[in-house]
Amino acid sequence: PAPHILSALEVAVSRPLRMSSSYRCTAAGLPLLLLLSVLGAKRIEGFFSYASRMPNGNSVPVPGGDGICNGVGHTSCAGSGARNPFGLAFAANSLAWTKELCEADSDGDGVSNGAELGDPCCT
């Protein structure tokens, strides 16, 4: 190629396109933002659907404290981390509230799961 065309090609290849920094951040971060949004949405959806499958699942008080326990099946009322004995039993029972799970004492404290969740008659 002619020298002036070669110079133009060298400049075009050696110099990246200029974009504003906000556009670069938005364009680069969009896939990550979408991924995190989807993962977060599934996590929230899972919590609400699990809580709605048991009696009073959305209004279980925090043991020995104030407020509502959002992690009934977890060792933390924040709803994250390891599952507690009830959470393990609930998962093993296909995430279904049944008479058998209601009558069981998953945490071994002498009180049935049903009584602890406000369904002492397991109806």
N, C-alpha and C. Protein backbone atom coordinates (compact mmCIF):
# COMPACT_ATOMS: atom_id res chain seq x y z
N PRO A 1 0.82 -1.19 0.00
CA PRO A 1 0.00 0.00 0.00
C PRO A 1 0.87 1.25 0.00
N ALA A 2 0.26 2.32 -0.38
CA ALA A 2 0.94 3.62 -0.40
C ALA A 2 1.29 4.03 1.01
N PRO A 3 2.39 4.79 1.21
CA PRO A 3 2.84 5.16 2.55
C PRO A 3 1.78 5.91 3.36
N HIS A 4 1.01 6.79 2.72
CA HIS A 4 0.01 7.54 3.49
C HIS A 4 -1.13 6.64 3.98
N ILE A 5 -1.46 5.60 3.24
CA ILE A 5 -2.50 4.65 3.67
C ILE A 5 -1.96 3.81 4.83
N LEU A 6 -0.71 3.39 4.73
CA LEU A 6 -0.10 2.61 5.80
C LEU A 6 -0.06 3.41 7.10
N SER A 7 0.26 4.68 7.04
CA SER A 7 0.30 5.52 8.23
C SER A 7 -1.08 5.63 8.86
N ALA A 8 -2.10 5.77 8.02
CA ALA A 8 -3.46 5.87 8.54
C ALA A 8 -3.87 4.57 9.23
N LEU A 9 -3.48 3.43 8.66
CA LEU A 9 -3.81 2.14 9.27
C LEU A 9 -3.08 1.95 10.60
N GLU A 10 -1.81 2.35 10.64
CA GLU A 10 -1.05 2.24 11.88
C GLU A 10 -1.67 3.07 12.99
N VAL A 11 -2.11 4.27 12.66
CA VAL A 11 -2.74 5.14 13.65
C VAL A 11 -4.05 4.53 14.11
N ALA A 12 -4.84 4.02 13.18
CA ALA A 12 -6.14 3.45 13.53
C ALA A 12 -5.98 2.23 14.43
N VAL A 13 -4.97 1.40 14.18
CA VAL A 13 -4.77 0.20 14.98
C VAL A 13 -4.15 0.52 16.33
N SER A 14 -3.26 1.48 16.38
CA SER A 14 -2.55 1.77 17.62
C SER A 14 -3.35 2.63 18.59
N ARG A 15 -4.37 3.32 18.13
CA ARG A 15 -5.14 4.21 18.99
C ARG A 15 -6.54 3.63 19.22
N PRO A 16 -6.91 3.31 20.44
CA PRO A 16 -8.25 2.76 20.68
C PRO A 16 -9.31 3.84 20.48
N LEU A 17 -10.51 3.40 20.24
CA LEU A 17 -11.62 4.35 20.14
C LEU A 17 -11.78 5.07 21.46
N ARG A 18 -12.10 6.32 21.37
CA ARG A 18 -12.29 7.10 22.59
C ARG A 18 -13.77 7.10 22.96
N MET A 19 -14.04 6.71 24.20
CA MET A 19 -15.40 6.75 24.73
C MET A 19 -15.34 7.48 26.05
N SER A 20 -16.44 8.05 26.43
CA SER A 20 -16.46 8.68 27.75
C SER A 20 -16.33 7.59 28.80
N SER A 21 -15.76 7.92 29.95
CA SER A 21 -15.54 6.91 30.99
C SER A 21 -16.85 6.35 31.50
N SER A 22 -17.91 7.16 31.55
CA SER A 22 -19.19 6.64 32.04
C SER A 22 -19.77 5.63 31.07
N TYR A 23 -19.60 5.85 29.77
CA TYR A 23 -20.09 4.89 28.80
C TYR A 23 -19.30 3.59 28.89
N ARG A 24 -17.96 3.70 29.03
CA ARG A 24 -17.13 2.51 29.15
C ARG A 24 -17.55 1.68 30.35
N CYS A 25 -17.76 2.33 31.48
CA CYS A 25 -18.16 1.61 32.69
C CYS A 25 -19.52 0.96 32.52
N THR A 26 -20.44 1.68 31.91
CA THR A 26 -21.78 1.14 31.72
C THR A 26 -21.75 -0.04 30.76
N ALA A 27 -21.04 0.13 29.65
CA ALA A 27 -20.99 -0.94 28.65
C ALA A 27 -20.30 -2.18 29.20
N ALA A 28 -19.23 -2.00 29.94
CA ALA A 28 -18.49 -3.13 30.49
C ALA A 28 -19.24 -3.78 31.65
N GLY A 29 -19.94 -2.99 32.43
CA GLY A 29 -20.60 -3.50 33.62
C GLY A 29 -22.00 -4.04 33.39
N LEU A 30 -22.58 -3.77 32.22
CA LEU A 30 -23.96 -4.19 31.98
C LEU A 30 -24.15 -5.71 32.09
N PRO A 31 -23.32 -6.54 31.46
CA PRO A 31 -23.53 -7.99 31.62
C PRO A 31 -23.43 -8.44 33.08
N LEU A 32 -22.49 -7.88 33.83
CA LEU A 32 -22.35 -8.24 35.24
C LEU A 32 -23.57 -7.79 36.03
N LEU A 33 -24.05 -6.59 35.76
CA LEU A 33 -25.23 -6.08 36.45
C LEU A 33 -26.44 -6.96 36.17
N LEU A 34 -26.62 -7.36 34.92
CA LEU A 34 -27.74 -8.24 34.58
C LEU A 34 -27.64 -9.59 35.28
N LEU A 35 -26.44 -10.15 35.31
CA LEU A 35 -26.23 -11.44 35.98
C LEU A 35 -26.55 -11.34 37.46
N LEU A 36 -26.05 -10.31 38.12
CA LEU A 36 -26.32 -10.14 39.55
C LEU A 36 -27.80 -9.91 39.82
N SER A 37 -28.46 -9.19 38.93
CA SER A 37 -29.89 -8.95 39.09
C SER A 37 -30.67 -10.25 39.02
N VAL A 38 -30.33 -11.09 38.06
CA VAL A 38 -31.02 -12.38 37.90
C VAL A 38 -30.76 -13.27 39.11
N LEU A 39 -29.51 -13.36 39.55
CA LEU A 39 -29.19 -14.20 40.70
C LEU A 39 -29.88 -13.69 41.95
N GLY A 40 -29.89 -12.39 42.15
CA GLY A 40 -30.57 -11.81 43.31
C GLY A 40 -32.06 -12.07 43.28
N ALA A 41 -32.66 -11.96 42.10
CA ALA A 41 -34.10 -12.17 41.98
C ALA A 41 -34.46 -13.61 42.32
N LYS A 42 -33.66 -14.56 41.88
CA LYS A 42 -33.95 -15.96 42.19
C LYS A 42 -33.84 -16.22 43.69
N ARG A 43 -32.88 -15.61 44.33
CA ARG A 43 -32.69 -15.81 45.76
C ARG A 43 -33.90 -15.29 46.53
N ILE A 44 -34.36 -14.11 46.18
CA ILE A 44 -35.52 -13.54 46.85
C ILE A 44 -36.76 -14.37 46.57
N GLU A 45 -36.94 -14.77 45.34
CA GLU A 45 -38.09 -15.57 44.97
C GLU A 45 -38.10 -16.88 45.77
N GLY A 46 -36.95 -17.50 45.92
CA GLY A 46 -36.86 -18.75 46.68
C GLY A 46 -37.28 -18.58 48.11
N PHE A 47 -36.83 -17.51 48.76
CA PHE A 47 -37.19 -17.27 50.15
C PHE A 47 -38.69 -17.11 50.31
N PHE A 48 -39.30 -16.27 49.50
CA PHE A 48 -40.73 -16.03 49.67
C PHE A 48 -41.55 -17.27 49.34
N SER A 49 -41.14 -18.02 48.35
CA SER A 49 -41.91 -19.21 48.02
C SER A 49 -41.77 -20.27 49.12
N TYR A 50 -40.60 -20.39 49.73
CA TYR A 50 -40.43 -21.36 50.81
C TYR A 50 -41.25 -20.95 52.03
N ALA A 51 -41.19 -19.70 52.40
CA ALA A 51 -41.92 -19.23 53.58
C ALA A 51 -43.42 -19.42 53.41
N SER A 52 -43.90 -19.27 52.19
CA SER A 52 -45.34 -19.41 51.96
C SER A 52 -45.80 -20.87 51.98
N ARG A 53 -44.87 -21.80 52.00
CA ARG A 53 -45.22 -23.23 52.00
C ARG A 53 -45.41 -23.80 53.40
N MET A 54 -45.23 -22.98 54.42
CA MET A 54 -45.39 -23.46 55.79
C MET A 54 -46.29 -22.48 56.55
N PRO A 55 -46.96 -22.93 57.58
CA PRO A 55 -47.84 -22.02 58.32
C PRO A 55 -47.05 -20.88 58.96
N ASN A 56 -47.54 -19.69 58.78
CA ASN A 56 -46.95 -18.49 59.38
C ASN A 56 -45.49 -18.30 59.00
N GLY A 57 -45.07 -18.85 57.87
CA GLY A 57 -43.68 -18.77 57.45
C GLY A 57 -43.16 -17.36 57.27
N ASN A 58 -44.06 -16.42 57.00
CA ASN A 58 -43.65 -15.02 56.82
C ASN A 58 -43.72 -14.21 58.10
N SER A 59 -44.08 -14.85 59.21
CA SER A 59 -44.23 -14.08 60.45
C SER A 59 -43.68 -14.82 61.68
N VAL A 60 -42.65 -15.62 61.49
CA VAL A 60 -42.03 -16.34 62.61
C VAL A 60 -41.16 -15.36 63.39
N PRO A 61 -41.41 -15.20 64.70
CA PRO A 61 -40.59 -14.26 65.47
C PRO A 61 -39.15 -14.74 65.64
N VAL A 62 -38.26 -13.78 65.76
CA VAL A 62 -36.85 -14.08 66.02
C VAL A 62 -36.76 -14.73 67.40
N PRO A 63 -36.12 -15.90 67.52
CA PRO A 63 -36.01 -16.54 68.84
C PRO A 63 -35.27 -15.64 69.83
N GLY A 64 -35.93 -15.35 70.94
CA GLY A 64 -35.31 -14.54 72.00
C GLY A 64 -35.04 -13.10 71.63
N GLY A 65 -35.73 -12.58 70.63
CA GLY A 65 -35.49 -11.20 70.23
C GLY A 65 -36.70 -10.56 69.60
N ASP A 66 -36.49 -9.38 69.07
CA ASP A 66 -37.56 -8.64 68.41
C ASP A 66 -37.46 -8.84 66.91
N GLY A 67 -38.58 -8.76 66.25
CA GLY A 67 -38.60 -8.81 64.79
C GLY A 67 -39.03 -10.16 64.26
N ILE A 68 -38.95 -10.28 62.94
CA ILE A 68 -39.37 -11.47 62.22
C ILE A 68 -38.14 -12.22 61.72
N CYS A 69 -38.16 -13.53 61.86
CA CYS A 69 -37.06 -14.37 61.39
C CYS A 69 -37.28 -14.68 59.91
N ASN A 70 -36.43 -14.14 59.05
CA ASN A 70 -36.55 -14.35 57.61
C ASN A 70 -35.86 -15.61 57.14
N GLY A 71 -35.23 -16.33 58.03
CA GLY A 71 -34.51 -17.54 57.64
C GLY A 71 -34.92 -18.73 58.49
N VAL A 72 -36.20 -19.05 58.49
CA VAL A 72 -36.72 -20.12 59.35
C VAL A 72 -35.94 -21.42 59.20
N GLY A 73 -35.51 -21.76 58.00
CA GLY A 73 -34.79 -23.01 57.78
C GLY A 73 -33.28 -22.88 57.85
N HIS A 74 -32.77 -21.74 58.33
CA HIS A 74 -31.32 -21.51 58.38
C HIS A 74 -30.87 -21.26 59.81
N THR A 75 -29.58 -21.40 60.04
CA THR A 75 -29.03 -21.13 61.37
C THR A 75 -29.04 -19.65 61.70
N SER A 76 -29.17 -18.80 60.68
CA SER A 76 -29.24 -17.35 60.87
C SER A 76 -30.62 -16.86 60.43
N CYS A 77 -31.23 -16.00 61.21
CA CYS A 77 -32.52 -15.43 60.83
C CYS A 77 -32.41 -14.51 59.63
N ALA A 78 -31.20 -14.19 59.21
CA ALA A 78 -31.01 -13.39 58.00
C ALA A 78 -31.35 -14.23 56.75
N GLY A 79 -31.43 -15.54 56.92
CA GLY A 79 -31.81 -16.41 55.81
C GLY A 79 -30.65 -16.85 54.95
N SER A 80 -29.46 -16.78 55.48
CA SER A 80 -28.31 -17.23 54.69
C SER A 80 -27.50 -18.22 55.51
N GLY A 81 -26.56 -18.85 54.85
CA GLY A 81 -25.70 -19.79 55.55
C GLY A 81 -26.29 -21.19 55.62
N ALA A 82 -25.78 -21.94 56.55
CA ALA A 82 -26.16 -23.35 56.69
C ALA A 82 -27.62 -23.49 57.12
N ARG A 83 -28.20 -24.62 56.77
CA ARG A 83 -29.57 -24.91 57.20
C ARG A 83 -29.55 -25.48 58.61
N ASN A 84 -30.60 -25.18 59.34
CA ASN A 84 -30.78 -25.76 60.67
C ASN A 84 -31.50 -27.10 60.51
N PRO A 85 -31.71 -27.86 61.59
CA PRO A 85 -32.37 -29.17 61.46
C PRO A 85 -33.74 -29.09 60.79
N PHE A 86 -34.51 -28.03 61.07
CA PHE A 86 -35.81 -27.90 60.41
C PHE A 86 -35.63 -27.66 58.91
N GLY A 87 -34.69 -26.82 58.53
CA GLY A 87 -34.43 -26.55 57.11
C GLY A 87 -34.01 -27.81 56.37
N LEU A 88 -33.19 -28.63 57.00
CA LEU A 88 -32.78 -29.90 56.39
C LEU A 88 -33.97 -30.84 56.23
N ALA A 89 -34.83 -30.90 57.26
CA ALA A 89 -36.01 -31.77 57.19
C ALA A 89 -37.00 -31.26 56.14
N PHE A 90 -37.18 -29.95 56.06
CA PHE A 90 -38.07 -29.34 55.07
C PHE A 90 -37.57 -29.65 53.66
N ALA A 91 -36.27 -29.52 53.43
CA ALA A 91 -35.69 -29.82 52.12
C ALA A 91 -35.83 -31.31 51.80
N ALA A 92 -35.59 -32.17 52.78
CA ALA A 92 -35.71 -33.62 52.57
C ALA A 92 -37.15 -34.03 52.30
N ASN A 93 -38.09 -33.18 52.71
CA ASN A 93 -39.52 -33.44 52.51
C ASN A 93 -40.02 -32.75 51.24
N SER A 94 -39.13 -32.52 50.30
CA SER A 94 -39.46 -31.88 49.01
C SER A 94 -40.05 -30.49 49.19
N LEU A 95 -39.61 -29.78 50.22
CA LEU A 95 -40.06 -28.41 50.50
C LEU A 95 -41.57 -28.32 50.64
N ALA A 96 -42.15 -29.36 51.24
CA ALA A 96 -43.60 -29.40 51.43
C ALA A 96 -43.93 -29.52 52.91
N TRP A 97 -44.96 -28.81 53.33
CA TRP A 97 -45.47 -28.90 54.69
C TRP A 97 -46.47 -30.04 54.72
N THR A 98 -46.14 -31.10 55.43
CA THR A 98 -47.01 -32.27 55.52
C THR A 98 -47.31 -32.56 56.98
N LYS A 99 -48.26 -33.43 57.21
CA LYS A 99 -48.62 -33.82 58.57
C LYS A 99 -47.40 -34.42 59.29
N GLU A 100 -46.63 -35.23 58.57
CA GLU A 100 -45.44 -35.86 59.16
C GLU A 100 -44.41 -34.82 59.59
N LEU A 101 -44.14 -33.84 58.72
CA LEU A 101 -43.18 -32.79 59.06
C LEU A 101 -43.72 -31.93 60.19
N CYS A 102 -45.00 -31.68 60.18
CA CYS A 102 -45.64 -30.90 61.24
C CYS A 102 -45.51 -31.59 62.59
N GLU A 103 -45.74 -32.88 62.62
CA GLU A 103 -45.70 -33.62 63.89
C GLU A 103 -44.27 -33.89 64.38
N ALA A 104 -43.30 -33.78 63.50
CA ALA A 104 -41.90 -34.04 63.87
C ALA A 104 -41.36 -32.93 64.76
N ASP A 105 -40.31 -33.26 65.49
CA ASP A 105 -39.59 -32.29 66.34
C ASP A 105 -38.18 -32.18 65.78
N SER A 106 -38.04 -31.44 64.70
CA SER A 106 -36.77 -31.40 63.97
C SER A 106 -35.60 -30.88 64.79
N ASP A 107 -35.86 -29.93 65.68
CA ASP A 107 -34.75 -29.37 66.46
C ASP A 107 -34.53 -30.06 67.79
N GLY A 108 -35.36 -31.09 68.10
CA GLY A 108 -35.16 -31.89 69.30
C GLY A 108 -35.41 -31.19 70.61
N ASP A 109 -36.26 -30.16 70.61
CA ASP A 109 -36.52 -29.42 71.85
C ASP A 109 -37.78 -29.88 72.58
N GLY A 110 -38.41 -30.97 72.08
CA GLY A 110 -39.60 -31.49 72.73
C GLY A 110 -40.89 -30.84 72.27
N VAL A 111 -40.83 -29.93 71.31
CA VAL A 111 -42.01 -29.25 70.78
C VAL A 111 -42.07 -29.55 69.28
N SER A 112 -43.27 -29.91 68.80
CA SER A 112 -43.39 -30.26 67.38
C SER A 112 -43.16 -29.03 66.49
N ASN A 113 -42.77 -29.31 65.25
CA ASN A 113 -42.61 -28.22 64.28
C ASN A 113 -43.90 -27.44 64.12
N GLY A 114 -45.02 -28.16 64.11
CA GLY A 114 -46.32 -27.50 63.96
C GLY A 114 -46.62 -26.54 65.10
N ALA A 115 -46.37 -26.98 66.34
CA ALA A 115 -46.61 -26.10 67.49
C ALA A 115 -45.71 -24.87 67.41
N GLU A 116 -44.47 -25.06 66.98
CA GLU A 116 -43.54 -23.92 66.87
C GLU A 116 -43.94 -22.94 65.78
N LEU A 117 -44.63 -23.43 64.74
CA LEU A 117 -45.04 -22.55 63.65
C LEU A 117 -46.52 -22.17 63.72
N GLY A 118 -47.17 -22.45 64.83
CA GLY A 118 -48.56 -22.04 65.01
C GLY A 118 -49.58 -22.96 64.37
N ASP A 119 -49.22 -24.21 64.13
CA ASP A 119 -50.14 -25.21 63.58
C ASP A 119 -50.08 -26.46 64.45
N PRO A 120 -50.46 -26.34 65.74
CA PRO A 120 -50.30 -27.47 66.66
C PRO A 120 -51.14 -28.69 66.31
N CYS A 121 -52.24 -28.49 65.57
CA CYS A 121 -53.10 -29.62 65.20
C CYS A 121 -52.71 -30.21 63.85
N CYS A 122 -51.70 -29.63 63.21
CA CYS A 122 -51.21 -30.12 61.91
C CYS A 122 -52.32 -30.25 60.88
N THR A 123 -53.07 -29.18 60.74
CA THR A 123 -54.19 -29.19 59.78
C THR A 123 -53.77 -28.71 58.41
